[in-house]
PDB file of N, CA and C in Angstrom:
ATOM      1  N   UNK A   1      39.665  34.353 172.766  1.00  0.00           N
ATOM      2  CA  UNK A   1      40.948  34.464 173.434  1.00  0.00           C
ATOM      3  C   UNK A   1      41.431  35.906 173.245  1.00  0.00           C
ATOM      4  N   UNK A   2      41.831  36.542 174.352  1.00  0.00           N
ATOM      5  CA  UNK A   2      42.250  37.945 174.291  1.00  0.00           C
ATOM      6  C   UNK A   2      43.568  38.155 175.017  1.00  0.00           C
ATOM      7  N   UNK A   3      44.341  39.094 174.509  1.00  0.00           N
ATOM      8  CA  UNK A   3      45.589  39.481 175.145  1.00  0.00           C
ATOM      9  C   UNK A   3      45.521  40.975 175.471  1.00  0.00           C
ATOM     10  N   UNK A   4      45.921  41.313 176.672  1.00  0.00           N
ATOM     11  CA  UNK A   4      45.891  42.709 177.119  1.00  0.00           C
ATOM     12  C   UNK A   4      47.284  43.087 177.600  1.00  0.00           C
ATOM     13  N   UNK A   5      47.930  43.956 176.836  1.00  0.00           N
ATOM     14  CA  UNK A   5      49.250  44.440 177.234  1.00  0.00           C
ATOM     15  C   UNK A   5      49.107  45.702 178.070  1.00  0.00           C
ATOM     16  N   UNK A   6      49.975  45.857 179.049  1.00  0.00           N
ATOM     17  CA  UNK A   6      49.931  47.035 179.909  1.00  0.00           C
ATOM     18  C   UNK A   6      51.307  47.293 180.489  1.00  0.00           C
ATOM     19  N   UNK A   7      51.463  48.466 181.081  1.00  0.00           N
ATOM     20  CA  UNK A   7      52.701  48.776 181.779  1.00  0.00           C
ATOM     21  C   UNK A   7      53.631  49.705 181.039  1.00  0.00           C
ATOM     22  N   UNK A   8      53.251  50.137 179.862  1.00  0.00           N
ATOM     23  CA  UNK A   8      54.091  51.069 179.137  1.00  0.00           C
ATOM     24  C   UNK A   8      54.126  52.431 179.794  1.00  0.00           C
ATOM     25  N   UNK A   9      55.028  53.267 179.333  1.00  0.00           N
ATOM     26  CA  UNK A   9      55.124  54.604 179.895  1.00  0.00           C
ATOM     27  C   UNK A   9      56.390  55.294 179.450  1.00  0.00           C
ATOM     28  N   UNK A  10      56.683  56.387 180.130  1.00  0.00           N
ATOM     29  CA  UNK A  10      57.873  57.186 179.842  1.00  0.00           C
ATOM     30  C   UNK A  10      58.975  56.804 180.823  1.00  0.00           C
ATOM     31  N   UNK A  11      60.153  56.547 180.300  1.00  0.00           N
ATOM     32  CA  UNK A  11      61.287  56.177 181.142  1.00  0.00           C
ATOM     33  C   UNK A  11      62.538  56.849 180.585  1.00  0.00           C
ATOM     34  N   UNK A  12      63.469  57.171 181.454  1.00  0.00           N
ATOM     35  CA  UNK A  12      64.702  57.818 181.022  1.00  0.00           C
ATOM     36  C   UNK A  12      65.680  56.784 180.477  1.00  0.00           C
ATOM     37  N   UNK A  13      66.587  57.220 179.626  1.00  0.00           N
ATOM     38  CA  UNK A  13      67.631  56.297 179.149  1.00  0.00           C
ATOM     39  C   UNK A  13      68.370  55.668 180.320  1.00  0.00           C
ATOM     40  N   UNK A  14      68.710  54.398 180.143  1.00  0.00           N
ATOM     41  CA  UNK A  14      69.350  53.571 181.177  1.00  0.00           C
ATOM     42  C   UNK A  14      68.390  53.132 182.272  1.00  0.00           C
ATOM     43  N   UNK A  15      67.120  53.527 182.159  1.00  0.00           N
ATOM     44  CA  UNK A  15      66.133  53.094 183.137  1.00  0.00           C
ATOM     45  C   UNK A  15      65.568  51.724 182.815  1.00  0.00           C
ATOM     46  N   UNK A  16      64.602  51.307 183.659  1.00  0.00           N
ATOM     47  CA  UNK A  16      63.975  49.997 183.513  1.00  0.00           C
ATOM     48  C   UNK A  16      62.463  50.133 183.484  1.00  0.00           C
ATOM     49  N   UNK A  17      61.830  49.159 182.873  1.00  0.00           N
ATOM     50  CA  UNK A  17      60.373  49.130 182.813  1.00  0.00           C
ATOM     51  C   UNK A  17      59.949  47.685 182.591  1.00  0.00           C
ATOM     52  N   UNK A  18      58.826  47.324 183.174  1.00  0.00           N
ATOM     53  CA  UNK A  18      58.280  45.982 182.945  1.00  0.00           C
ATOM     54  C   UNK A  18      56.891  46.112 182.354  1.00  0.00           C
ATOM     55  N   UNK A  19      56.684  45.483 181.221  1.00  0.00           N
ATOM     56  CA  UNK A  19      55.350  45.437 180.632  1.00  0.00           C
ATOM     57  C   UNK A  19      54.789  44.029 180.790  1.00  0.00           C
ATOM     58  N   UNK A  20      53.461  43.971 180.868  1.00  0.00           N
ATOM     59  CA  UNK A  20      52.776  42.707 181.109  1.00  0.00           C
ATOM     60  C   UNK A  20      51.830  42.389 179.968  1.00  0.00           C
ATOM     61  N   UNK A  21      51.498  41.123 179.869  1.00  0.00           N
ATOM     62  CA  UNK A  21      50.551  40.660 178.853  1.00  0.00           C
ATOM     63  C   UNK A  21      49.645  39.634 179.512  1.00  0.00           C
ATOM     64  N   UNK A  22      48.409  40.021 179.729  1.00  0.00           N
ATOM     65  CA  UNK A  22      47.433  39.135 180.377  1.00  0.00           C
ATOM     66  C   UNK A  22      46.645  38.395 179.303  1.00  0.00           C
ATOM     67  N   UNK A  23      46.610  37.081 179.427  1.00  0.00           N
ATOM     68  CA  UNK A  23      45.876  36.249 178.477  1.00  0.00           C
ATOM     69  C   UNK A  23      44.571  35.804 179.125  1.00  0.00           C
ATOM     70  N   UNK A  24      43.467  36.013 178.443  1.00  0.00           N
ATOM     71  CA  UNK A  24      42.173  35.607 178.968  1.00  0.00           C
ATOM     72  C   UNK A  24      41.396  34.857 177.890  1.00  0.00           C
ATOM     73  N   UNK A  25      40.349  34.169 178.342  1.00  0.00           N
ATOM     74  CA  UNK A  25      39.518  33.431 177.403  1.00  0.00           C
ATOM     75  C   UNK A  25      39.965  32.007 177.188  1.00  0.00           C
ATOM     76  N   UNK A  26      40.911  31.567 178.020  1.00  0.00           N
ATOM     77  CA  UNK A  26      41.358  30.184 177.958  1.00  0.00           C
ATOM     78  C   UNK A  26      41.769  29.744 179.349  1.00  0.00           C
ATOM     79  N   UNK A  27      41.563  28.471 179.644  1.00  0.00           N
ATOM     80  CA  UNK A  27      42.035  27.922 180.906  1.00  0.00           C
ATOM     81  C   UNK A  27      43.351  27.179 180.711  1.00  0.00           C
ATOM     82  N   UNK A  28      43.768  27.050 179.481  1.00  0.00           N
ATOM     83  CA  UNK A  28      45.020  26.369 179.182  1.00  0.00           C
ATOM     84  C   UNK A  28      46.195  27.285 179.444  1.00  0.00           C
ATOM     85  N   UNK A  29      47.315  26.692 179.855  1.00  0.00           N
ATOM     86  CA  UNK A  29      48.561  27.459 179.965  1.00  0.00           C
ATOM     87  C   UNK A  29      49.573  26.965 178.932  1.00  0.00           C
ATOM     88  N   UNK A  30      49.075  26.173 177.976  1.00  0.00           N
ATOM     89  CA  UNK A  30      49.979  25.565 176.995  1.00  0.00           C
ATOM     90  C   UNK A  30      50.104  26.437 175.748  1.00  0.00           C
ATOM     91  N   UNK A  31      50.744  27.578 175.918  1.00  0.00           N
ATOM     92  CA  UNK A  31      50.987  28.436 174.766  1.00  0.00           C
ATOM     93  C   UNK A  31      52.313  29.167 174.943  1.00  0.00           C
ATOM     94  N   UNK A  32      52.952  29.361 173.834  1.00  0.00           N
ATOM     95  CA  UNK A  32      54.166  30.170 173.808  1.00  0.00           C
ATOM     96  C   UNK A  32      53.777  31.616 173.544  1.00  0.00           C
ATOM     97  N   UNK A  33      54.588  32.532 174.008  1.00  0.00           N
ATOM     98  CA  UNK A  33      54.286  33.959 173.855  1.00  0.00           C
ATOM     99  C   UNK A  33      55.470  34.675 173.243  1.00  0.00           C
ATOM    100  N   UNK A  34      55.175  35.466 172.249  1.00  0.00           N
ATOM    101  CA  UNK A  34      56.200  36.294 171.627  1.00  0.00           C
ATOM    102  C   UNK A  34      55.961  37.763 171.914  1.00  0.00           C
ATOM    103  N   UNK A  35      57.024  38.519 171.864  1.00  0.00           N
ATOM    104  CA  UNK A  35      56.952  39.975 172.006  1.00  0.00           C
ATOM    105  C   UNK A  35      57.489  40.632 170.738  1.00  0.00           C
ATOM    106  N   UNK A  36      56.796  41.655 170.324  1.00  0.00           N
ATOM    107  CA  UNK A  36      57.175  42.436 169.159  1.00  0.00           C
ATOM    108  C   UNK A  36      57.161  43.915 169.537  1.00  0.00           C
ATOM    109  N   UNK A  37      57.745  44.721 168.684  1.00  0.00           N
ATOM    110  CA  UNK A  37      57.634  46.162 168.850  1.00  0.00           C
ATOM    111  C   UNK A  37      57.616  46.824 167.491  1.00  0.00           C
ATOM    112  N   UNK A  38      57.014  48.013 167.481  1.00  0.00           N
ATOM    113  CA  UNK A  38      56.962  48.806 166.260  1.00  0.00           C
ATOM    114  C   UNK A  38      57.296  50.243 166.600  1.00  0.00           C
ATOM    115  N   UNK A  39      58.423  50.674 166.103  1.00  0.00           N
ATOM    116  CA  UNK A  39      58.861  52.053 166.320  1.00  0.00           C
ATOM    117  C   UNK A  39      58.227  52.958 165.267  1.00  0.00           C
ATOM    118  N   UNK A  40      58.130  54.261 165.539  1.00  0.00           N
ATOM    119  CA  UNK A  40      57.542  55.182 164.569  1.00  0.00           C
ATOM    120  C   UNK A  40      58.232  55.099 163.207  1.00  0.00           C
ATOM    121  N   UNK A  41      57.449  54.893 162.166  1.00  0.00           N
ATOM    122  CA  UNK A  41      57.988  54.856 160.824  1.00  0.00           C
ATOM    123  C   UNK A  41      58.703  53.578 160.447  1.00  0.00           C
ATOM    124  N   UNK A  42      58.642  52.576 161.327  1.00  0.00           N
ATOM    125  CA  UNK A  42      59.337  51.321 161.049  1.00  0.00           C
ATOM    126  C   UNK A  42      58.366  50.142 161.067  1.00  0.00           C
ATOM    127  N   UNK A  43      58.810  49.029 160.546  1.00  0.00           N
ATOM    128  CA  UNK A  43      57.990  47.826 160.551  1.00  0.00           C
ATOM    129  C   UNK A  43      58.036  47.161 161.923  1.00  0.00           C
ATOM    130  N   UNK A  44      57.009  46.372 162.178  1.00  0.00           N
ATOM    131  CA  UNK A  44      56.973  45.621 163.434  1.00  0.00           C
ATOM    132  C   UNK A  44      58.087  44.578 163.421  1.00  0.00           C
ATOM    133  N   UNK A  45      58.796  44.474 164.538  1.00  0.00           N
ATOM    134  CA  UNK A  45      59.886  43.522 164.627  1.00  0.00           C
ATOM    135  C   UNK A  45      59.719  42.622 165.840  1.00  0.00           C
ATOM    136  N   UNK A  46      60.125  41.404 165.665  1.00  0.00           N
ATOM    137  CA  UNK A  46      60.135  40.421 166.748  1.00  0.00           C
ATOM    138  C   UNK A  46      61.318  40.717 167.661  1.00  0.00           C
ATOM    139  N   UNK A  47      61.098  40.671 168.990  1.00  0.00           N
ATOM    140  CA  UNK A  47      62.195  40.913 169.911  1.00  0.00           C
ATOM    141  C   UNK A  47      62.464  39.735 170.836  1.00  0.00           C
ATOM    142  N   UNK A  48      61.527  38.800 170.921  1.00  0.00           N
ATOM    143  CA  UNK A  48      61.810  37.649 171.744  1.00  0.00           C
ATOM    144  C   UNK A  48      60.573  36.825 172.030  1.00  0.00           C
ATOM    145  N   UNK A  49      60.784  35.714 172.743  1.00  0.00           N
ATOM    146  CA  UNK A  49      59.666  34.823 173.033  1.00  0.00           C
ATOM    147  C   UNK A  49      60.024  33.885 174.179  1.00  0.00           C
ATOM    148  N   UNK A  50      58.983  33.256 174.713  1.00  0.00           N
ATOM    149  CA  UNK A  50      59.164  32.175 175.683  1.00  0.00           C
ATOM    150  C   UNK A  50      58.365  30.986 175.179  1.00  0.00           C
ATOM    151  N   UNK A  51      59.036  29.857 175.099  1.00  0.00           N
ATOM    152  CA  UNK A  51      58.419  28.649 174.563  1.00  0.00           C
ATOM    153  C   UNK A  51      57.706  27.894 175.667  1.00  0.00           C
ATOM    154  N   UNK A  52      56.458  27.478 175.414  1.00  0.00           N
ATOM    155  CA  UNK A  52      55.710  26.753 176.428  1.00  0.00           C
ATOM    156  C   UNK A  52      56.340  25.406 176.745  1.00  0.00           C
ATOM    157  N   UNK A  53      56.734  24.683 175.721  1.00  0.00           N
ATOM    158  CA  UNK A  53      57.143  23.288 175.904  1.00  0.00           C
ATOM    159  C   UNK A  53      58.324  23.108 176.832  1.00  0.00           C
ATOM    160  N   UNK A  54      59.351  23.924 176.679  1.00  0.00           N
ATOM    161  CA  UNK A  54      60.567  23.729 177.475  1.00  0.00           C
ATOM    162  C   UNK A  54      60.992  24.964 178.248  1.00  0.00           C
ATOM    163  N   UNK A  55      60.203  26.021 178.154  1.00  0.00           N
ATOM    164  CA  UNK A  55      60.503  27.220 178.913  1.00  0.00           C
ATOM    165  C   UNK A  55      61.664  28.037 178.373  1.00  0.00           C
ATOM    166  N   UNK A  56      62.198  27.641 177.240  1.00  0.00           N
ATOM    167  CA  UNK A  56      63.342  28.381 176.702  1.00  0.00           C
ATOM    168  C   UNK A  56      62.899  29.760 176.246  1.00  0.00           C
ATOM    169  N   UNK A  57      63.829  30.689 176.311  1.00  0.00           N
ATOM    170  CA  UNK A  57      63.592  32.035 175.808  1.00  0.00           C
ATOM    171  C   UNK A  57      64.571  32.331 174.678  1.00  0.00           C
ATOM    172  N   UNK A  58      64.128  33.135 173.761  1.00  0.00           N
ATOM    173  CA  UNK A  58      64.949  33.563 172.626  1.00  0.00           C
ATOM    174  C   UNK A  58      64.837  35.081 172.520  1.00  0.00           C
ATOM    175  N   UNK A  59      65.906  35.718 172.074  1.00  0.00           N
ATOM    176  CA  UNK A  59      65.913  37.171 171.979  1.00  0.00           C
ATOM    177  C   UNK A  59      66.570  37.631 170.689  1.00  0.00           C
ATOM    178  N   UNK A  60      66.070  38.722 170.200  1.00  0.00           N
ATOM    179  CA  UNK A  60      66.707  39.406 169.087  1.00  0.00           C
ATOM    180  C   UNK A  60      67.986  40.044 169.596  1.00  0.00           C
ATOM    181  N   UNK A  61      68.988  40.137 168.749  1.00  0.00           N
ATOM    182  CA  UNK A  61      70.315  40.547 169.197  1.00  0.00           C
ATOM    183  C   UNK A  61      70.342  41.913 169.888  1.00  0.00           C
ATOM    184  N   UNK A  62      69.547  42.862 169.423  1.00  0.00           N
ATOM    185  CA  UNK A  62      69.638  44.222 169.962  1.00  0.00           C
ATOM    186  C   UNK A  62      69.128  44.324 171.401  1.00  0.00           C
ATOM    187  N   UNK A  63      68.369  43.334 171.867  1.00  0.00           N
ATOM    188  CA  UNK A  63      67.839  43.377 173.224  1.00  0.00           C
ATOM    189  C   UNK A  63      68.447  42.311 174.120  1.00  0.00           C
ATOM    190  N   UNK A  64      69.221  41.415 173.534  1.00  0.00           N
ATOM    191  CA  UNK A  64      69.823  40.318 174.297  1.00  0.00           C
ATOM    192  C   UNK A  64      70.699  40.876 175.414  1.00  0.00           C
ATOM    193  N   UNK A  65      70.512  40.358 176.623  1.00  0.00           N
ATOM    194  CA  UNK A  65      71.280  40.839 177.759  1.00  0.00           C
ATOM    195  C   UNK A  65      70.648  42.019 178.477  1.00  0.00           C
ATOM    196  N   UNK A  66      69.649  42.662 177.849  1.00  0.00           N
ATOM    197  CA  UNK A  66      68.962  43.790 178.483  1.00  0.00           C
ATOM    198  C   UNK A  66      67.512  43.466 178.805  1.00  0.00           C
ATOM    199  N   UNK A  67      66.878  42.662 177.952  1.00  0.00           N
ATOM    200  CA  UNK A  67      65.473  42.319 178.129  1.00  0.00           C
ATOM    201  C   UNK A  67      65.348  40.874 178.607  1.00  0.00           C
ATOM    202  N   UNK A  68      64.336  40.627 179.434  1.00  0.00           N
ATOM    203  CA  UNK A  68      64.060  39.280 179.928  1.00  0.00           C
ATOM    204  C   UNK A  68      62.574  38.998 179.818  1.00  0.00           C
ATOM    205  N   UNK A  69      62.252  37.869 179.213  1.00  0.00           N
ATOM    206  CA  UNK A  69      60.862  37.454 179.052  1.00  0.00           C
ATOM    207  C   UNK A  69      60.578  36.320 180.027  1.00  0.00           C
ATOM    208  N   UNK A  70      59.429  36.395 180.667  1.00  0.00           N
ATOM    209  CA  UNK A  70      59.014  35.327 181.571  1.00  0.00           C
ATOM    210  C   UNK A  70      57.510  35.118 181.444  1.00  0.00           C
ATOM    211  N   UNK A  71      57.043  34.045 182.079  1.00  0.00           N
ATOM    212  CA  UNK A  71      55.630  33.664 181.917  1.00  0.00           C
ATOM    213  C   UNK A  71      55.131  33.062 183.218  1.00  0.00           C
ATOM    214  N   UNK A  72      54.033  33.557 183.708  1.00  0.00           N
ATOM    215  CA  UNK A  72      53.386  33.030 184.905  1.00  0.00           C
ATOM    216  C   UNK A  72      52.168  32.223 184.462  1.00  0.00           C
ATOM    217  N   UNK A  73      52.297  30.909 184.465  1.00  0.00           N
ATOM    218  CA  UNK A  73      51.220  30.072 183.948  1.00  0.00           C
ATOM    219  C   UNK A  73      50.003  30.067 184.859  1.00  0.00           C
ATOM    220  N   UNK A  74      50.199  30.278 186.143  1.00  0.00           N
ATOM    221  CA  UNK A  74      49.070  30.297 187.073  1.00  0.00           C
ATOM    222  C   UNK A  74      48.201  31.523 186.816  1.00  0.00           C
ATOM    223  N   UNK A  75      48.827  32.652 186.572  1.00  0.00           N
ATOM    224  CA  UNK A  75      48.114  33.911 186.385  1.00  0.00           C
ATOM    225  C   UNK A  75      47.854  34.218 184.917  1.00  0.00           C
ATOM    226  N   UNK A  76      48.316  33.345 184.005  1.00  0.00           N
ATOM    227  CA  UNK A  76      48.132  33.569 182.561  1.00  0.00           C
ATOM    228  C   UNK A  76      48.673  34.932 182.142  1.00  0.00           C
ATOM    229  N   UNK A  77      49.851  35.239 182.624  1.00  0.00           N
ATOM    230  CA  UNK A  77      50.454  36.534 182.328  1.00  0.00           C
ATOM    231  C   UNK A  77      51.901  36.345 181.908  1.00  0.00           C
ATOM    232  N   UNK A  78      52.301  37.078 180.894  1.00  0.00           N
ATOM    233  CA  UNK A  78      53.690  37.104 180.469  1.00  0.00           C
ATOM    234  C   UNK A  78      54.274  38.472 180.775  1.00  0.00           C
ATOM    235  N   UNK A  79      55.577  38.513 180.961  1.00  0.00           N
ATOM    236  CA  UNK A  79      56.243  39.750 181.321  1.00  0.00           C
ATOM    237  C   UNK A  79      57.422  39.992 180.395  1.00  0.00           C
ATOM    238  N   UNK A  80      57.636  41.268 180.138  1.00  0.00           N
ATOM    239  CA  UNK A  80      58.828  41.699 179.412  1.00  0.00           C
ATOM    240  C   UNK A  80      59.533  42.709 180.297  1.00  0.00           C
ATOM    241  N   UNK A  81      60.615  42.276 180.927  1.00  0.00           N
ATOM    242  CA  UNK A  81      61.416  43.160 181.773  1.00  0.00           C
ATOM    243  C   UNK A  81      62.488  43.808 180.902  1.00  0.00           C
ATOM    244  N   UNK A  82      62.487  45.122 180.868  1.00  0.00           N
ATOM    245  CA  UNK A  82      63.419  45.862 180.019  1.00  0.00           C
ATOM    246  C   UNK A  82      64.336  46.691 180.901  1.00  0.00           C
ATOM    247  N   UNK A  83      65.625  46.425 180.793  1.00  0.00           N
ATOM    248  CA  UNK A  83      66.641  47.151 181.550  1.00  0.00           C
ATOM    249  C   UNK A  83      67.569  47.886 180.605  1.00  0.00           C
ATOM    250  N   UNK A  84      68.265  48.860 181.146  1.00  0.00           N
ATOM    251  CA  UNK A  84      69.237  49.656 180.369  1.00  0.00           C
ATOM    252  C   UNK A  84      68.616  50.124 179.055  1.00  0.00           C
ATOM    253  N   UNK A  85      67.454  50.728 179.184  1.00  0.00           N
ATOM    254  CA  UNK A  85      66.712  51.159 178.003  1.00  0.00           C
ATOM    255  C   UNK A  85      67.442  52.258 177.256  1.00  0.00           C
ATOM    256  N   UNK A  86      67.266  52.235 175.946  1.00  0.00           N
ATOM    257  CA  UNK A  86      67.885  53.217 175.055  1.00  0.00           C
ATOM    258  C   UNK A  86      66.777  53.967 174.329  1.00  0.00           C
ATOM    259  N   UNK A  87      67.114  55.138 173.807  1.00  0.00           N
ATOM    260  CA  UNK A  87      66.112  55.916 173.088  1.00  0.00           C
ATOM    261  C   UNK A  87      65.570  55.123 171.898  1.00  0.00           C
ATOM    262  N   UNK A  88      66.396  54.300 171.313  1.00  0.00           N
ATOM    263  CA  UNK A  88      65.943  53.515 170.156  1.00  0.00           C
ATOM    264  C   UNK A  88      65.014  52.367 170.525  1.00  0.00           C
ATOM    265  N   UNK A  89      64.785  52.155 171.823  1.00  0.00           N
ATOM    266  CA  UNK A  89      63.801  51.165 172.261  1.00  0.00           C
ATOM    267  C   UNK A  89      62.384  51.750 172.269  1.00  0.00           C
ATOM    268  N   UNK A  90      62.271  53.040 172.007  1.00  0.00           N
ATOM    269  CA  UNK A  90      60.953  53.673 171.957  1.00  0.00           C
ATOM    270  C   UNK A  90      60.102  53.013 170.874  1.00  0.00           C
ATOM    271  N   UNK A  91      58.933  52.508 171.261  1.00  0.00           N
ATOM    272  CA  UNK A  91      58.074  51.778 170.327  1.00  0.00           C
ATOM    273  C   UNK A  91      56.783  51.396 171.028  1.00  0.00           C
ATOM    274  N   UNK A  92      55.846  50.925 170.239  1.00  0.00           N
ATOM    275  CA  UNK A  92      54.681  50.233 170.792  1.00  0.00           C
ATOM    276  C   UNK A  92      55.059  48.757 170.903  1.00  0.00           C
ATOM    277  N   UNK A  93      54.839  48.209 172.076  1.00  0.00           N
ATOM    278  CA  UNK A  93      55.209  46.823 172.337  1.00  0.00           C
ATOM    279  C   UNK A  93      53.957  45.950 172.338  1.00  0.00           C
ATOM    280  N   UNK A  94      54.054  44.842 171.618  1.00  0.00           N
ATOM    281  CA  UNK A  94      52.931  43.920 171.462  1.00  0.00           C
ATOM    282  C   UNK A  94      53.302  42.534 171.954  1.00  0.00           C
ATOM    283  N   UNK A  95      52.334  41.850 172.540  1.00  0.00           N
ATOM    284  CA  UNK A  95      52.497  40.438 172.832  1.00  0.00           C
ATOM    285  C   UNK A  95      51.601  39.643 171.892  1.00  0.00           C
ATOM    286  N   UNK A  96      51.974  38.411 171.653  1.00  0.00           N
ATOM    287  CA  UNK A  96      51.217  37.562 170.730  1.00  0.00           C
ATOM    288  C   UNK A  96      51.442  36.099 171.076  1.00  0.00           C
ATOM    289  N   UNK A  97      50.477  35.262 170.728  1.00  0.00           N
ATOM    290  CA  UNK A  97      50.610  33.809 170.886  1.00  0.00           C
ATOM    291  C   UNK A  97      50.242  33.142 169.574  1.00  0.00           C
ATOM    292  N   UNK A  98      50.714  32.022 169.224  1.00  0.00           N
ATOM    293  CA  UNK A  98      51.221  30.942 170.028  1.00  0.00           C
ATOM    294  C   UNK A  98      52.430  30.361 169.308  1.00  0.00           C
ATOM    295  N   UNK A  99      53.568  30.961 169.489  1.00  0.00           N
ATOM    296  CA  UNK A  99      54.768  30.506 168.801  1.00  0.00           C
ATOM    297  C   UNK A  99      55.984  31.042 169.529  1.00  0.00           C
ATOM    298  N   UNK A 100      57.128  30.478 169.184  1.00  0.00           N
ATOM    299  CA  UNK A 100      58.399  31.077 169.608  1.00  0.00           C
ATOM    300  C   UNK A 100      59.305  31.196 168.382  1.00  0.00           C
ATOM    301  N   UNK A 101      58.706  31.622 167.293  1.00  0.00           N
ATOM    302  CA  UNK A 101      59.446  31.832 166.064  1.00  0.00           C
ATOM    303  C   UNK A 101      59.503  33.325 165.755  1.00  0.00           C
ATOM    304  N   UNK A 102      60.572  33.769 165.101  1.00  0.00           N
ATOM    305  CA  UNK A 102      60.815  35.206 164.952  1.00  0.00           C
ATOM    306  C   UNK A 102      60.130  35.877 163.769  1.00  0.00           C
ATOM    307  N   UNK A 103      58.838  35.595 163.577  1.00  0.00           N
ATOM    308  CA  UNK A 103      58.112  36.260 162.496  1.00  0.00           C
ATOM    309  C   UNK A 103      56.635  36.329 162.849  1.00  0.00           C
ATOM    310  N   UNK A 104      56.023  37.457 162.502  1.00  0.00           N
ATOM    311  CA  UNK A 104      54.638  37.698 162.899  1.00  0.00           C
ATOM    312  C   UNK A 104      53.658  36.683 162.321  1.00  0.00           C
ATOM    313  N   UNK A 105      53.961  36.120 161.183  1.00  0.00           N
ATOM    314  CA  UNK A 105      53.004  35.223 160.531  1.00  0.00           C
ATOM    315  C   UNK A 105      52.749  33.954 161.337  1.00  0.00           C
ATOM    316  N   UNK A 106      53.615  33.634 162.293  1.00  0.00           N
ATOM    317  CA  UNK A 106      53.442  32.423 163.093  1.00  0.00           C
ATOM    318  C   UNK A 106      52.541  32.639 164.302  1.00  0.00           C
ATOM    319  N   UNK A 107      52.065  33.840 164.512  1.00  0.00           N
ATOM    320  CA  UNK A 107      51.287  34.178 165.702  1.00  0.00           C
ATOM    321  C   UNK A 107      49.833  34.426 165.321  1.00  0.00           C
ATOM    322  N   UNK A 108      48.927  33.869 166.123  1.00  0.00           N
ATOM    323  CA  UNK A 108      47.505  33.909 165.773  1.00  0.00           C
ATOM    324  C   UNK A 108      46.718  34.980 166.522  1.00  0.00           C
ATOM    325  N   UNK A 109      47.138  35.292 167.721  1.00  0.00           N
ATOM    326  CA  UNK A 109      46.395  36.247 168.537  1.00  0.00           C
ATOM    327  C   UNK A 109      47.354  37.329 169.024  1.00  0.00           C
ATOM    328  N   UNK A 110      46.857  38.563 169.022  1.00  0.00           N
ATOM    329  CA  UNK A 110      47.691  39.712 169.344  1.00  0.00           C
ATOM    330  C   UNK A 110      47.017  40.590 170.394  1.00  0.00           C
ATOM    331  N   UNK A 111      47.851  41.181 171.250  1.00  0.00           N
ATOM    332  CA  UNK A 111      47.367  42.210 172.145  1.00  0.00           C
ATOM    333  C   UNK A 111      47.319  43.540 171.422  1.00  0.00           C
ATOM    334  N   UNK A 112      46.789  44.554 172.081  1.00  0.00           N
ATOM    335  CA  UNK A 112      46.591  45.846 171.440  1.00  0.00           C
ATOM    336  C   UNK A 112      47.838  46.722 171.473  1.00  0.00           C
ATOM    337  N   UNK A 113      48.837  46.353 172.238  1.00  0.00           N
ATOM    338  CA  UNK A 113      50.068  47.132 172.289  1.00  0.00           C
ATOM    339  C   UNK A 113      50.082  48.125 173.428  1.00  0.00           C
ATOM    340  N   UNK A 114      51.281  48.391 173.911  1.00  0.00           N
ATOM    341  CA  UNK A 114      51.471  49.400 174.954  1.00  0.00           C
ATOM    342  C   UNK A 114      52.693  50.231 174.582  1.00  0.00           C
ATOM    343  N   UNK A 115      52.576  51.552 174.723  1.00  0.00           N
ATOM    344  CA  UNK A 115      53.621  52.454 174.260  1.00  0.00           C
ATOM    345  C   UNK A 115      54.704  52.625 175.320  1.00  0.00           C
ATOM    346  N   UNK A 116      55.944  52.424 174.888  1.00  0.00           N
ATOM    347  CA  UNK A 116      57.112  52.673 175.730  1.00  0.00           C
ATOM    348  C   UNK A 116      57.920  53.795 175.084  1.00  0.00           C
ATOM    349  N   UNK A 117      58.130  54.857 175.851  1.00  0.00           N
ATOM    350  CA  UNK A 117      58.892  56.003 175.359  1.00  0.00           C
ATOM    351  C   UNK A 117      60.131  56.165 176.231  1.00  0.00           C
ATOM    352  N   UNK A 118      61.282  56.141 175.591  1.00  0.00           N
ATOM    353  CA  UNK A 118      62.541  56.314 176.315  1.00  0.00           C
ATOM    354  C   UNK A 118      63.109  57.680 175.934  1.00  0.00           C
ATOM    355  N   UNK A 119      63.114  58.564 176.902  1.00  0.00           N
ATOM    356  CA  UNK A 119      63.526  59.934 176.618  1.00  0.00           C
ATOM    357  C   UNK A 119      63.949  60.621 177.906  1.00  0.00           C
ATOM    358  N   UNK A 120      64.904  61.527 177.756  1.00  0.00           N
ATOM    359  CA  UNK A 120      65.324  62.312 178.920  1.00  0.00           C
ATOM    360  C   UNK A 120      64.546  63.633 178.983  1.00  0.00           C
TER     361      UNK A 120
END
């Protein structure tokens, strides 16, 4: 089972960016997906998730109202839509399965990460 994150790049403050996470190696769509990020010199932090069972989404407070997580079960792809980006959102963004809990230890498979840089 593999996860491939993509879509990172350079964006100006207050801009938007969407990163994707393609899941391969399984025909099942019964998995929850979490998103994490790691800023330079900081620990990896959970920023949100989408639960497979009921479709609910959860967000860390600093991104609530700006970021939206969604999941396309047909295409086995998850999305992280980021709006009103701030310089402090600069980080490597990771997707992981299979949980909707706010800690890395609950996730078994990880993507390689995609770099998002917010700068003018």
